Amino acid sequence: MVVKKLEINGFRNLNGFAVELAAAKNLIFGANGSGKTSVIEALYFLGFGKSFLPVQRRELVRFDSSGFFLSAEVIDKSGENTITACLERGLALKLNEERSFLTQVVRHLYPLFFSHFLYSQVIDGAPHLRRLIDRFIYGLSSLYLHDVLRYNQALRQKNYLLKNLGRTINNSELRGWNTLLAETGSKLVKKRMAFTNQLNGALGEMFSDVLCLRYHPAVSGDQPFSEAALLEDLDRAGTAEIRSRRSLIGPQRDRFEVAVNGRKLQLFSSGEKKKYLLMLYMAYIDLFRRARGEYPVLLLDDYDAVMDERNLEFVLDHFPAMQVIATSVAANERFERRIELKKE
C-alpha cells in the first residue's frame, strides 16, 4: 500500500496543507514546530481514528478552526482509494465518499508508527506493549478490533456494576457478565497466542532466535487455556473483585515481554532497546507482507533520534518496496522524496 497524496486542513498547526508522496522513501524535514510530526500524525489518525499521543480528538483541532478535515489518496492491491476523516460535531470517516468503519479502512491503509519516545514506553510499560501487539494483530486481521471492542464494552459494564453496587451485587448478574467476558476474552487470548507464535517464527527466520516475544495471559493455574477455564477464574475471583470494586482477571491484564537470548529487554541499555524493538518491527513487517501480500506504510518520527545510519540503511535496503514516511530536522539524500516544511 502507498499513500499517493495527503491533504490536511485545521489539524494541529496545519491548514491548507497538501503534499504528494513518493511510492518509496519520503523525508519531511524542517525546524521544530514546523508541523513535521503533525503530518504523520494525520496519516496515523486516518488509519486508526485517533492520535498516537494520549490526547482527545478535539485537542487536535487547530486553534482558529471549528474542526479538521484529512484526506489521503491510497493505492493498494484493490486499486486507488480515497480515505477521509472529518471532525466537526462528531467524527465522520469515509472510504471513497461513503461512510465507513475502521475495519474497512485498514484493508487499504495500515500506518505502522515508530518513534524515539515509543521504545521506552513499549519496553518498560506493560499496557503500552499490549496495545502495540493488539495493533499488530489488527493489521493482520481487521475483525480483531470487533473482538477487542466487544470485550471492552462488557468489561466497562462489569466494572460499573462492581464500582457502584459494591457488596450488594447480585451474584447472578455478576455471573452473566463473567460468562460474556469469558466468551469474548477467550477469543482475544487465543488470537494473541497464535500471533505470538507467528511473530516468533518470523523473528527466528530473520534473527536466528536471538529475539522473542513472550505472552503471559492473566489466568491462574497450569491447566490448558479455554473459555471454560477463563470463566472458572473469573468466578473464583468474584469475592476479591467485589472487595476491590474492579475486575481483576482477563485479557486487560495480560502481559507481553520482549526477550533477547533469554533476558528481558528491560535489562538492556536504551540503545539496545531501540535496536531490538526495531528488529521486532522488521519481523512484523515481513509477517504483514506474507499475510496480506503487500507492505504497511512505515511512519518514522524523528528517525535519527531512534536509529543510526546503519539501522536506517537496514530498514531502507531490506524493504525496498515499502513506502517510508520519516521526519527529521535535517535533509538526508538517502530519501528519494524530500519535503521541507517552514515554521510559520
C-alpha atoms as a PDB file:
ATOM      1  CA  MET A   1       0.000   0.000   0.000  1.00  0.00           C
ATOM      2  CA  VAL A   2       1.162   3.505  -0.832  1.00  0.00           C
ATOM      3  CA  VAL A   3      -0.103   6.955   0.172  1.00  0.00           C
ATOM      4  CA  LYS A   4      -0.064   8.991  -3.033  1.00  0.00           C
ATOM      5  CA  LYS A   5      -1.347  12.319  -1.718  1.00  0.00           C
ATOM      6  CA  LEU A   6      -2.254  13.779   1.679  1.00  0.00           C
ATOM      7  CA  GLU A   7      -4.370  16.858   2.429  1.00  0.00           C
ATOM      8  CA  ILE A   8      -4.693  18.441   5.879  1.00  0.00           C
ATOM      9  CA  ASN A   9      -6.992  21.263   6.982  1.00  0.00           C
ATOM     10  CA  GLY A  10      -7.448  22.549  10.537  1.00  0.00           C
ATOM     11  CA  PHE A  11      -5.354  19.772  12.095  1.00  0.00           C
ATOM     12  CA  ARG A  12      -2.782  20.775  14.719  1.00  0.00           C
ATOM     13  CA  ASN A  13      -0.940  23.778  13.221  1.00  0.00           C
ATOM     14  CA  LEU A  14      -1.580  22.761   9.611  1.00  0.00           C
ATOM     15  CA  ASN A  15      -4.183  24.328   7.350  1.00  0.00           C
ATOM     16  CA  GLY A  16      -4.474  24.223   3.568  1.00  0.00           C
ATOM     17  CA  PHE A  17      -1.648  21.705   3.519  1.00  0.00           C
ATOM     18  CA  ALA A  18      -1.236  19.235   0.644  1.00  0.00           C
ATOM     19  CA  VAL A  19       1.681  17.019  -0.282  1.00  0.00           C
ATOM     20  CA  GLU A  20       2.352  14.387  -2.933  1.00  0.00           C
ATOM     21  CA  LEU A  21       4.424  11.466  -1.719  1.00  0.00           C
ATOM     22  CA  ALA A  22       6.789   9.079  -3.480  1.00  0.00           C
ATOM     23  CA  ALA A  23       5.998   5.377  -3.550  1.00  0.00           C
ATOM     24  CA  ALA A  24       9.248   4.569  -1.773  1.00  0.00           C
ATOM     25  CA  LYS A  25      11.196   6.711   0.721  1.00  0.00           C
ATOM     26  CA  ASN A  26       9.961  10.136   1.846  1.00  0.00           C
ATOM     27  CA  LEU A  27      11.535  12.568   4.305  1.00  0.00           C
ATOM     28  CA  ILE A  28       9.699  15.532   5.809  1.00  0.00           C
ATOM     29  CA  PHE A  29      12.254  17.839   7.365  1.00  0.00           C
ATOM     30  CA  GLY A  30      12.385  21.289   8.920  1.00  0.00           C
ATOM     31  CA  ALA A  31      12.738  23.179  12.179  1.00  0.00           C
ATOM     32  CA  ASN A  32      10.990  22.103  15.356  1.00  0.00           C
ATOM     33  CA  GLY A  33       7.413  23.353  15.388  1.00  0.00           C
ATOM     34  CA  SER A  34       7.053  23.363  11.593  1.00  0.00           C
ATOM     35  CA  GLY A  35       4.455  20.566  11.638  1.00  0.00           C
ATOM     36  CA  LYS A  36       6.526  17.530  10.641  1.00  0.00           C
ATOM     37  CA  THR A  37       5.089  15.215  13.278  1.00  0.00           C
ATOM     38  CA  SER A  38       1.590  16.539  12.564  1.00  0.00           C
ATOM     39  CA  VAL A  39       1.839  15.197   9.012  1.00  0.00           C
ATOM     40  CA  ILE A  40       2.447  11.614  10.089  1.00  0.00           C
ATOM     41  CA  GLU A  41       0.017  12.031  12.990  1.00  0.00           C
ATOM     42  CA  ALA A  42      -2.669  12.867  10.414  1.00  0.00           C
ATOM     43  CA  LEU A  43      -1.851   9.678   8.495  1.00  0.00           C
ATOM     44  CA  TYR A  44      -1.963   7.664  11.703  1.00  0.00           C
ATOM     45  CA  PHE A  45      -5.355   9.200  12.516  1.00  0.00           C
ATOM     46  CA  LEU A  46      -6.724   8.155   9.131  1.00  0.00           C
ATOM     47  CA  GLY A  47      -5.676   4.582   9.852  1.00  0.00           C
ATOM     48  CA  PHE A  48      -6.745   4.286  13.493  1.00  0.00           C
ATOM     49  CA  GLY A  49      -9.248   7.086  14.156  1.00  0.00           C
ATOM     50  CA  LYS A  50      -7.055   8.562  16.897  1.00  0.00           C
ATOM     51  CA  SER A  51      -3.621  10.030  17.546  1.00  0.00           C
ATOM     52  CA  PHE A  52      -0.573   8.074  18.663  1.00  0.00           C
ATOM     53  CA  LEU A  53      -0.392  10.588  21.537  1.00  0.00           C
ATOM     54  CA  PRO A  54      -2.694  10.458  24.616  1.00  0.00           C
ATOM     55  CA  VAL A  55      -4.922  13.365  23.520  1.00  0.00           C
ATOM     56  CA  GLN A  56      -8.623  13.857  22.858  1.00  0.00           C
ATOM     57  CA  ARG A  57      -9.767  14.372  19.282  1.00  0.00           C
ATOM     58  CA  ARG A  58     -10.787  17.964  19.990  1.00  0.00           C
ATOM     59  CA  GLU A  59      -7.231  18.751  21.086  1.00  0.00           C
ATOM     60  CA  LEU A  60      -6.086  18.020  17.523  1.00  0.00           C
ATOM     61  CA  VAL A  61      -8.166  20.874  16.061  1.00  0.00           C
ATOM     62  CA  ARG A  62      -6.252  23.974  15.009  1.00  0.00           C
ATOM     63  CA  PHE A  63      -6.829  26.934  17.351  1.00  0.00           C
ATOM     64  CA  ASP A  64      -8.681  29.006  14.709  1.00  0.00           C
ATOM     65  CA  SER A  65     -10.786  26.132  13.308  1.00  0.00           C
ATOM     66  CA  SER A  66     -14.068  24.517  14.352  1.00  0.00           C
ATOM     67  CA  GLY A  67     -12.902  21.092  13.211  1.00  0.00           C
ATOM     68  CA  PHE A  68     -10.471  19.372  10.897  1.00  0.00           C
ATOM     69  CA  PHE A  69     -10.514  17.538   7.563  1.00  0.00           C
ATOM     70  CA  LEU A  70      -7.984  14.915   6.456  1.00  0.00           C
ATOM     71  CA  SER A  71      -7.800  13.181   3.091  1.00  0.00           C
ATOM     72  CA  ALA A  72      -5.427  10.558   1.698  1.00  0.00           C
ATOM     73  CA  GLU A  73      -5.279   9.014  -1.751  1.00  0.00           C
ATOM     74  CA  VAL A  74      -4.046   5.467  -1.261  1.00  0.00           C
ATOM     75  CA  ILE A  75      -3.036   2.792  -3.750  1.00  0.00           C
ATOM     76  CA  ASP A  76      -3.222  -0.835  -2.677  1.00  0.00           C
ATOM     77  CA  LYS A  77      -3.981  -4.229  -4.247  1.00  0.00           C
ATOM     78  CA  SER A  78      -7.577  -3.180  -4.903  1.00  0.00           C
ATOM     79  CA  GLY A  79      -6.576  -0.050  -6.822  1.00  0.00           C
ATOM     80  CA  GLU A  80      -6.827   3.616  -5.843  1.00  0.00           C
ATOM     81  CA  ASN A  81      -8.984   4.669  -2.891  1.00  0.00           C
ATOM     82  CA  THR A  82      -9.653   7.892  -1.024  1.00  0.00           C
ATOM     83  CA  ILE A  83      -9.899   7.903   2.758  1.00  0.00           C
ATOM     84  CA  THR A  84     -11.178  10.968   4.602  1.00  0.00           C
ATOM     85  CA  ALA A  85     -11.736  11.906   8.226  1.00  0.00           C
ATOM     86  CA  CYS A  86     -13.815  14.946   9.176  1.00  0.00           C
ATOM     87  CA  LEU A  87     -14.260  16.132  12.756  1.00  0.00           C
ATOM     88  CA  GLU A  88     -16.990  18.680  13.367  1.00  0.00           C
ATOM     89  CA  ARG A  89     -19.711  17.741  15.848  1.00  0.00           C
ATOM     90  CA  GLY A  90     -18.530  14.158  15.603  1.00  0.00           C
ATOM     91  CA  LEU A  91     -16.074  12.117  13.589  1.00  0.00           C
ATOM     92  CA  ALA A  92     -17.037  11.064  10.068  1.00  0.00           C
ATOM     93  CA  LEU A  93     -14.766   8.500   8.456  1.00  0.00           C
ATOM     94  CA  LYS A  94     -15.302   7.810   4.760  1.00  0.00           C
ATOM     95  CA  LEU A  95     -13.900   5.447   2.162  1.00  0.00           C
ATOM     96  CA  ASN A  96     -14.451   6.644  -1.407  1.00  0.00           C
ATOM     97  CA  GLU A  97     -17.029   9.201  -0.158  1.00  0.00           C
ATOM     98  CA  GLU A  98     -19.118   6.604   1.673  1.00  0.00           C
ATOM     99  CA  ARG A  99     -19.367   6.277   5.453  1.00  0.00           C
ATOM    100  CA  SER A 100     -17.014   3.603   6.614  1.00  0.00           C
ATOM    101  CA  PHE A 101     -15.628   1.764   9.627  1.00  0.00           C
ATOM    102  CA  LEU A 102     -12.012   1.413  10.699  1.00  0.00           C
ATOM    103  CA  THR A 103     -12.182  -2.297   9.920  1.00  0.00           C
ATOM    104  CA  GLN A 104     -12.814  -1.367   6.271  1.00  0.00           C
ATOM    105  CA  VAL A 105     -10.172   1.370   6.162  1.00  0.00           C
ATOM    106  CA  VAL A 106      -7.407  -0.925   7.465  1.00  0.00           C
ATOM    107  CA  ARG A 107      -7.760  -3.044   4.327  1.00  0.00           C
ATOM    108  CA  HIS A 108      -6.390  -0.098   2.359  1.00  0.00           C
ATOM    109  CA  LEU A 109      -4.254   1.851   4.844  1.00  0.00           C
ATOM    110  CA  TYR A 110      -2.275   0.455   7.747  1.00  0.00           C
ATOM    111  CA  PRO A 111       0.206   3.021   9.140  1.00  0.00           C
ATOM    112  CA  LEU A 112       2.954   1.389  11.208  1.00  0.00           C
ATOM    113  CA  PHE A 113       4.338   4.012  13.593  1.00  0.00           C
ATOM    114  CA  PHE A 114       7.811   4.068  15.181  1.00  0.00           C
ATOM    115  CA  SER A 115       9.346   6.951  17.136  1.00  0.00           C
ATOM    116  CA  HIS A 116      12.030   7.937  19.623  1.00  0.00           C
ATOM    117  CA  PHE A 117       9.596   8.082  22.552  1.00  0.00           C
ATOM    118  CA  LEU A 118       7.861   4.819  21.675  1.00  0.00           C
ATOM    119  CA  TYR A 119      10.626   2.407  22.619  1.00  0.00           C
ATOM    120  CA  SER A 120      10.809   3.341  26.320  1.00  0.00           C
ATOM    121  CA  GLN A 121       7.023   3.250  26.717  1.00  0.00           C
ATOM    122  CA  VAL A 122       6.628  -0.074  24.934  1.00  0.00           C
ATOM    123  CA  ILE A 123       9.542  -1.882  26.558  1.00  0.00           C
ATOM    124  CA  ASP A 124       9.072  -0.609  30.109  1.00  0.00           C
ATOM    125  CA  GLY A 125       5.270  -0.265  30.216  1.00  0.00           C
ATOM    126  CA  ALA A 126       3.126  -3.414  30.035  1.00  0.00           C
ATOM    127  CA  PRO A 127      -0.068  -1.605  28.851  1.00  0.00           C
ATOM    128  CA  HIS A 128       1.838   0.106  26.006  1.00  0.00           C
ATOM    129  CA  LEU A 129       3.336  -3.140  24.752  1.00  0.00           C
ATOM    130  CA  ARG A 130      -0.054  -4.873  24.997  1.00  0.00           C
ATOM    131  CA  ARG A 131      -1.669  -2.113  22.917  1.00  0.00           C
ATOM    132  CA  LEU A 132       1.147  -2.317  20.353  1.00  0.00           C
ATOM    133  CA  ILE A 133       0.645  -6.082  19.986  1.00  0.00           C
ATOM    134  CA  ASP A 134      -3.111  -5.524  19.629  1.00  0.00           C
ATOM    135  CA  ARG A 135      -2.439  -3.049  16.791  1.00  0.00           C
ATOM    136  CA  PHE A 136      -0.132  -5.594  15.171  1.00  0.00           C
ATOM    137  CA  ILE A 137      -2.846  -8.265  15.295  1.00  0.00           C
ATOM    138  CA  TYR A 138      -5.421  -5.773  13.998  1.00  0.00           C
ATOM    139  CA  GLY A 139      -3.156  -5.140  10.983  1.00  0.00           C
ATOM    140  CA  LEU A 140      -3.313  -8.822  10.097  1.00  0.00           C
ATOM    141  CA  SER A 141      -6.993  -9.346  10.937  1.00  0.00           C
ATOM    142  CA  SER A 142      -9.336  -6.356  10.972  1.00  0.00           C
ATOM    143  CA  LEU A 143     -12.038  -8.404  12.741  1.00  0.00           C
ATOM    144  CA  TYR A 144      -9.806  -8.473  15.813  1.00  0.00           C
ATOM    145  CA  LEU A 145     -10.960  -4.913  16.503  1.00  0.00           C
ATOM    146  CA  HIS A 146     -14.540  -6.186  16.889  1.00  0.00           C
ATOM    147  CA  ASP A 147     -13.349  -8.698  19.479  1.00  0.00           C
ATOM    148  CA  VAL A 148     -11.464  -6.026  21.430  1.00  0.00           C
ATOM    149  CA  LEU A 149     -14.353  -3.546  21.378  1.00  0.00           C
ATOM    150  CA  ARG A 150     -16.892  -6.175  22.406  1.00  0.00           C
ATOM    151  CA  TYR A 151     -14.715  -7.330  25.289  1.00  0.00           C
ATOM    152  CA  ASN A 152     -14.005  -3.760  26.456  1.00  0.00           C
ATOM    153  CA  GLN A 153     -17.697  -2.878  26.407  1.00  0.00           C
ATOM    154  CA  ALA A 154     -18.543  -5.893  28.587  1.00  0.00           C
ATOM    155  CA  LEU A 155     -15.618  -5.078  30.886  1.00  0.00           C
ATOM    156  CA  ARG A 156     -16.845  -1.492  31.366  1.00  0.00           C
ATOM    157  CA  GLN A 157     -20.311  -2.759  32.259  1.00  0.00           C
ATOM    158  CA  LYS A 158     -18.936  -5.220  34.802  1.00  0.00           C
ATOM    159  CA  ASN A 159     -16.658  -2.580  36.362  1.00  0.00           C
ATOM    160  CA  TYR A 160     -19.623  -0.201  36.578  1.00  0.00           C
ATOM    161  CA  LEU A 161     -21.519  -2.900  38.441  1.00  0.00           C
ATOM    162  CA  LEU A 162     -18.585  -3.528  40.806  1.00  0.00           C
ATOM    163  CA  LYS A 163     -17.887   0.143  41.411  1.00  0.00           C
ATOM    164  CA  ASN A 164     -21.410   1.336  42.026  1.00  0.00           C
ATOM    165  CA  LEU A 165     -23.021  -1.539  43.885  1.00  0.00           C
ATOM    166  CA  GLY A 166     -20.136  -2.873  45.937  1.00  0.00           C
ATOM    167  CA  ARG A 167     -21.154  -5.698  48.293  1.00  0.00           C
ATOM    168  CA  THR A 168     -24.827  -5.559  47.281  1.00  0.00           C
ATOM    169  CA  ILE A 169     -24.065  -7.159  43.908  1.00  0.00           C
ATOM    170  CA  ASN A 170     -26.466  -9.766  42.622  1.00  0.00           C
ATOM    171  CA  ASN A 171     -24.319 -12.865  42.017  1.00  0.00           C
ATOM    172  CA  SER A 172     -26.393 -13.969  39.034  1.00  0.00           C
ATOM    173  CA  GLU A 173     -25.811 -10.592  37.355  1.00  0.00           C
ATOM    174  CA  LEU A 174     -22.082 -10.841  38.016  1.00  0.00           C
ATOM    175  CA  ARG A 175     -22.090 -14.384  36.613  1.00  0.00           C
ATOM    176  CA  GLY A 176     -23.804 -13.102  33.458  1.00  0.00           C
ATOM    177  CA  TRP A 177     -21.024 -10.575  32.796  1.00  0.00           C
ATOM    178  CA  ASN A 178     -18.375 -13.186  33.586  1.00  0.00           C
ATOM    179  CA  THR A 179     -19.917 -15.533  31.015  1.00  0.00           C
ATOM    180  CA  LEU A 180     -19.786 -12.844  28.339  1.00  0.00           C
ATOM    181  CA  LEU A 181     -16.240 -11.845  29.313  1.00  0.00           C
ATOM    182  CA  ALA A 182     -15.109 -15.473  29.157  1.00  0.00           C
ATOM    183  CA  GLU A 183     -16.603 -15.854  25.681  1.00  0.00           C
ATOM    184  CA  THR A 184     -15.136 -12.646  24.246  1.00  0.00           C
ATOM    185  CA  GLY A 185     -11.932 -12.754  26.276  1.00  0.00           C
ATOM    186  CA  SER A 186     -11.061 -16.286  25.181  1.00  0.00           C
ATOM    187  CA  LYS A 187     -11.105 -15.106  21.551  1.00  0.00           C
ATOM    188  CA  LEU A 188      -8.561 -12.376  22.385  1.00  0.00           C
ATOM    189  CA  VAL A 189      -6.285 -14.751  24.256  1.00  0.00           C
ATOM    190  CA  LYS A 190      -6.334 -17.384  21.512  1.00  0.00           C
ATOM    191  CA  LYS A 191      -5.582 -14.784  18.824  1.00  0.00           C
ATOM    192  CA  ARG A 192      -2.772 -13.312  20.945  1.00  0.00           C
ATOM    193  CA  MET A 193      -1.321 -16.796  21.410  1.00  0.00           C
ATOM    194  CA  ALA A 194      -1.487 -17.508  17.683  1.00  0.00           C
ATOM    195  CA  PHE A 195       0.077 -14.150  16.805  1.00  0.00           C
ATOM    196  CA  THR A 196       2.908 -14.627  19.305  1.00  0.00           C
ATOM    197  CA  ASN A 197       3.777 -17.925  17.626  1.00  0.00           C
ATOM    198  CA  GLN A 198       3.612 -16.332  14.174  1.00  0.00           C
ATOM    199  CA  LEU A 199       5.815 -13.387  15.151  1.00  0.00           C
ATOM    200  CA  ASN A 200       8.362 -15.613  16.878  1.00  0.00           C
ATOM    201  CA  GLY A 201       8.531 -17.702  13.713  1.00  0.00           C
ATOM    202  CA  ALA A 202       9.309 -14.570  11.681  1.00  0.00           C
ATOM    203  CA  LEU A 203      11.851 -13.414  14.282  1.00  0.00           C
ATOM    204  CA  GLY A 204      13.580 -16.785  14.158  1.00  0.00           C
ATOM    205  CA  GLU A 205      13.844 -16.688  10.378  1.00  0.00           C
ATOM    206  CA  MET A 206      15.286 -13.167  10.341  1.00  0.00           C
ATOM    207  CA  PHE A 207      17.405 -13.102  13.505  1.00  0.00           C
ATOM    208  CA  SER A 208      18.128 -16.748  14.418  1.00  0.00           C
ATOM    209  CA  ASP A 209      16.111 -16.924  17.649  1.00  0.00           C
ATOM    210  CA  VAL A 210      18.067 -14.096  19.303  1.00  0.00           C
ATOM    211  CA  LEU A 211      14.848 -12.218  19.935  1.00  0.00           C
ATOM    212  CA  CYS A 212      11.443 -13.494  21.009  1.00  0.00           C
ATOM    213  CA  LEU A 213       8.087 -12.276  22.273  1.00  0.00           C
ATOM    214  CA  ARG A 214       6.680 -13.884  25.407  1.00  0.00           C
ATOM    215  CA  TYR A 215       2.978 -13.863  26.192  1.00  0.00           C
ATOM    216  CA  HIS A 216       1.592 -14.269  29.720  1.00  0.00           C
ATOM    217  CA  PRO A 217      -2.235 -14.448  29.816  1.00  0.00           C
ATOM    218  CA  ALA A 218      -3.715 -13.181  33.096  1.00  0.00           C
ATOM    219  CA  VAL A 219      -5.192 -16.520  34.105  1.00  0.00           C
ATOM    220  CA  SER A 220      -4.454 -18.734  37.113  1.00  0.00           C
ATOM    221  CA  GLY A 221      -3.387 -22.371  37.264  1.00  0.00           C
ATOM    222  CA  ASP A 222      -1.444 -24.570  34.880  1.00  0.00           C
ATOM    223  CA  GLN A 223      -4.379 -26.088  33.014  1.00  0.00           C
ATOM    224  CA  PRO A 224      -4.602 -25.551  29.222  1.00  0.00           C
ATOM    225  CA  PHE A 225      -6.343 -22.319  28.329  1.00  0.00           C
ATOM    226  CA  SER A 226     -10.004 -22.483  27.349  1.00  0.00           C
ATOM    227  CA  GLU A 227     -13.174 -20.432  27.619  1.00  0.00           C
ATOM    228  CA  ALA A 228     -14.320 -22.674  30.485  1.00  0.00           C
ATOM    229  CA  ALA A 229     -11.003 -22.191  32.323  1.00  0.00           C
ATOM    230  CA  LEU A 230     -11.282 -18.405  31.974  1.00  0.00           C
ATOM    231  CA  LEU A 231     -14.867 -18.453  33.285  1.00  0.00           C
ATOM    232  CA  GLU A 232     -13.737 -20.541  36.236  1.00  0.00           C
ATOM    233  CA  ASP A 233     -11.003 -17.982  37.007  1.00  0.00           C
ATOM    234  CA  LEU A 234     -13.489 -15.106  36.758  1.00  0.00           C
ATOM    235  CA  ASP A 235     -15.953 -16.815  39.101  1.00  0.00           C
ATOM    236  CA  ARG A 236     -13.191 -17.681  41.572  1.00  0.00           C
ATOM    237  CA  ALA A 237     -12.054 -14.024  41.680  1.00  0.00           C
ATOM    238  CA  GLY A 238     -15.584 -12.782  42.469  1.00  0.00           C
ATOM    239  CA  THR A 239     -15.075 -12.114  46.188  1.00  0.00           C
ATOM    240  CA  ALA A 240     -11.777 -10.290  45.628  1.00  0.00           C
ATOM    241  CA  GLU A 241     -13.303  -8.236  42.793  1.00  0.00           C
ATOM    242  CA  ILE A 242     -16.259  -7.191  44.929  1.00  0.00           C
ATOM    243  CA  ARG A 243     -13.823  -6.144  47.646  1.00  0.00           C
ATOM    244  CA  SER A 244     -11.583  -4.157  45.260  1.00  0.00           C
ATOM    245  CA  ARG A 245     -14.589  -2.948  43.201  1.00  0.00           C
ATOM    246  CA  ARG A 246     -12.956  -3.707  39.847  1.00  0.00           C
ATOM    247  CA  SER A 247     -12.269  -6.631  37.552  1.00  0.00           C
ATOM    248  CA  LEU A 248      -9.015  -8.437  38.358  1.00  0.00           C
ATOM    249  CA  ILE A 249      -8.897 -11.247  35.781  1.00  0.00           C
ATOM    250  CA  GLY A 250      -8.890 -11.142  31.990  1.00  0.00           C
ATOM    251  CA  PRO A 251      -7.042 -10.059  28.825  1.00  0.00           C
ATOM    252  CA  GLN A 252      -6.918  -6.426  30.011  1.00  0.00           C
ATOM    253  CA  ARG A 253      -4.235  -7.608  32.459  1.00  0.00           C
ATOM    254  CA  ASP A 254      -2.277  -9.814  30.045  1.00  0.00           C
ATOM    255  CA  ARG A 255       1.466  -9.197  29.824  1.00  0.00           C
ATOM    256  CA  PHE A 256       3.905  -9.382  26.950  1.00  0.00           C
ATOM    257  CA  GLU A 257       7.689  -9.367  27.242  1.00  0.00           C
ATOM    258  CA  VAL A 258      10.437  -8.991  24.684  1.00  0.00           C
ATOM    259  CA  ALA A 259      13.425 -11.222  25.463  1.00  0.00           C
ATOM    260  CA  VAL A 260      16.935 -11.250  23.996  1.00  0.00           C
ATOM    261  CA  ASN A 261      18.831 -14.510  24.441  1.00  0.00           C
ATOM    262  CA  GLY A 262      16.501 -15.337  27.312  1.00  0.00           C
ATOM    263  CA  ARG A 263      16.916 -11.993  29.132  1.00  0.00           C
ATOM    264  CA  LYS A 264      14.177  -9.390  29.459  1.00  0.00           C
ATOM    265  CA  LEU A 265      14.733  -6.409  27.194  1.00  0.00           C
ATOM    266  CA  GLN A 266      14.118  -4.070  30.151  1.00  0.00           C
ATOM    267  CA  LEU A 267      17.579  -5.055  31.442  1.00  0.00           C
ATOM    268  CA  PHE A 268      19.374  -3.705  28.372  1.00  0.00           C
ATOM    269  CA  SER A 269      20.667  -0.208  27.609  1.00  0.00           C
ATOM    270  CA  SER A 270      18.488   2.360  25.874  1.00  0.00           C
ATOM    271  CA  GLY A 271      20.453   1.934  22.636  1.00  0.00           C
ATOM    272  CA  GLU A 272      19.951  -1.819  22.689  1.00  0.00           C
ATOM    273  CA  LYS A 273      16.252  -1.396  23.461  1.00  0.00           C
ATOM    274  CA  LYS A 274      15.859   0.763  20.368  1.00  0.00           C
ATOM    275  CA  LYS A 275      17.745  -1.727  18.209  1.00  0.00           C
ATOM    276  CA  TYR A 276      15.834  -4.791  19.368  1.00  0.00           C
ATOM    277  CA  LEU A 277      12.434  -3.108  19.197  1.00  0.00           C
ATOM    278  CA  LEU A 278      13.260  -2.100  15.629  1.00  0.00           C
ATOM    279  CA  MET A 279      14.086  -5.757  14.916  1.00  0.00           C
ATOM    280  CA  LEU A 280      10.658  -6.692  16.303  1.00  0.00           C
ATOM    281  CA  TYR A 281       9.095  -4.218  13.869  1.00  0.00           C
ATOM    282  CA  MET A 282      11.088  -5.631  10.964  1.00  0.00           C
ATOM    283  CA  ALA A 283       9.837  -9.146  11.710  1.00  0.00           C
ATOM    284  CA  TYR A 284       6.265  -7.836  11.889  1.00  0.00           C
ATOM    285  CA  ILE A 285       6.640  -6.078   8.538  1.00  0.00           C
ATOM    286  CA  ASP A 286       7.748  -9.356   6.970  1.00  0.00           C
ATOM    287  CA  LEU A 287       4.819 -11.153   8.615  1.00  0.00           C
ATOM    288  CA  PHE A 288       2.435  -8.450   7.339  1.00  0.00           C
ATOM    289  CA  ARG A 289       3.775  -8.802   3.802  1.00  0.00           C
ATOM    290  CA  ARG A 290       3.323 -12.569   3.801  1.00  0.00           C
ATOM    291  CA  ALA A 291      -0.166 -12.395   5.306  1.00  0.00           C
ATOM    292  CA  ARG A 292      -1.541  -9.593   3.129  1.00  0.00           C
ATOM    293  CA  GLY A 293       0.622  -9.628   0.019  1.00  0.00           C
ATOM    294  CA  GLU A 294       1.707  -6.005   0.456  1.00  0.00           C
ATOM    295  CA  TYR A 295       3.569  -3.763   2.877  1.00  0.00           C
ATOM    296  CA  PRO A 296       2.236  -1.388   5.520  1.00  0.00           C
ATOM    297  CA  VAL A 297       3.142   2.315   5.358  1.00  0.00           C
ATOM    298  CA  LEU A 298       6.019   2.855   7.789  1.00  0.00           C
ATOM    299  CA  LEU A 299       5.949   6.155   9.702  1.00  0.00           C
ATOM    300  CA  LEU A 300       9.253   7.133  11.374  1.00  0.00           C
ATOM    301  CA  ASP A 301       9.050  10.208  13.587  1.00  0.00           C
ATOM    302  CA  ASP A 302      12.450  11.845  14.246  1.00  0.00           C
ATOM    303  CA  TYR A 303      14.046   8.745  12.753  1.00  0.00           C
ATOM    304  CA  ASP A 304      17.604   9.907  13.540  1.00  0.00           C
ATOM    305  CA  ALA A 305      16.789  10.072  17.263  1.00  0.00           C
ATOM    306  CA  VAL A 306      15.896   6.387  17.354  1.00  0.00           C
ATOM    307  CA  MET A 307      18.277   4.824  14.834  1.00  0.00           C
ATOM    308  CA  ASP A 308      21.746   5.393  13.455  1.00  0.00           C
ATOM    309  CA  GLU A 309      22.684   5.404   9.781  1.00  0.00           C
ATOM    310  CA  ARG A 310      23.431   1.681   9.857  1.00  0.00           C
ATOM    311  CA  ASN A 311      19.952   0.797  11.115  1.00  0.00           C
ATOM    312  CA  LEU A 312      18.395   3.231   8.653  1.00  0.00           C
ATOM    313  CA  GLU A 313      20.247   1.531   5.809  1.00  0.00           C
ATOM    314  CA  PHE A 314      18.972  -1.845   7.014  1.00  0.00           C
ATOM    315  CA  VAL A 315      15.355  -0.663   7.025  1.00  0.00           C
ATOM    316  CA  LEU A 316      15.528   1.086   3.653  1.00  0.00           C
ATOM    317  CA  ASP A 317      17.514  -1.647   1.910  1.00  0.00           C
ATOM    318  CA  HIS A 318      15.752  -4.667   3.417  1.00  0.00           C
ATOM    319  CA  PHE A 319      12.292  -3.460   2.324  1.00  0.00           C
ATOM    320  CA  PRO A 320      12.892  -1.545  -0.924  1.00  0.00           C
ATOM    321  CA  ALA A 321       9.232  -1.846  -1.996  1.00  0.00           C
ATOM    322  CA  MET A 322       7.805  -0.461   1.266  1.00  0.00           C
ATOM    323  CA  GLN A 323       6.744   3.173   1.493  1.00  0.00           C
ATOM    324  CA  VAL A 324       8.513   5.021   4.314  1.00  0.00           C
ATOM    325  CA  ILE A 325       7.467   8.460   5.544  1.00  0.00           C
ATOM    326  CA  ALA A 326      10.015   9.831   8.001  1.00  0.00           C
ATOM    327  CA  THR A 327      10.617  13.132   9.781  1.00  0.00           C
ATOM    328  CA  SER A 328      13.822  14.878  10.824  1.00  0.00           C
ATOM    329  CA  VAL A 329      15.230  18.336  11.403  1.00  0.00           C
ATOM    330  CA  ALA A 330      17.731  17.834   8.561  1.00  0.00           C
ATOM    331  CA  ALA A 331      17.670  16.593   4.983  1.00  0.00           C
ATOM    332  CA  ASN A 332      19.145  13.208   4.014  1.00  0.00           C
ATOM    333  CA  GLU A 333      19.867  12.141   0.453  1.00  0.00           C
ATOM    334  CA  ARG A 334      19.035   8.501   1.269  1.00  0.00           C
ATOM    335  CA  PHE A 335      15.386   9.520   0.873  1.00  0.00           C
ATOM    336  CA  GLU A 336      14.105   9.857  -2.691  1.00  0.00           C
ATOM    337  CA  ARG A 337      11.473  12.499  -1.909  1.00  0.00           C
ATOM    338  CA  ARG A 338      12.473  15.290   0.470  1.00  0.00           C
ATOM    339  CA  ILE A 339       9.870  17.802   1.630  1.00  0.00           C
ATOM    340  CA  GLU A 340      10.933  20.824   3.652  1.00  0.00           C
ATOM    341  CA  LEU A 341       8.447  22.478   5.984  1.00  0.00           C
ATOM    342  CA  LYS A 342       8.894  26.090   7.026  1.00  0.00           C
ATOM    343  CA  LYS A 343       7.919  27.239  10.502  1.00  0.00           C
ATOM    344  CA  GLU A 344       5.132  29.821  10.411  1.00  0.00           C
END
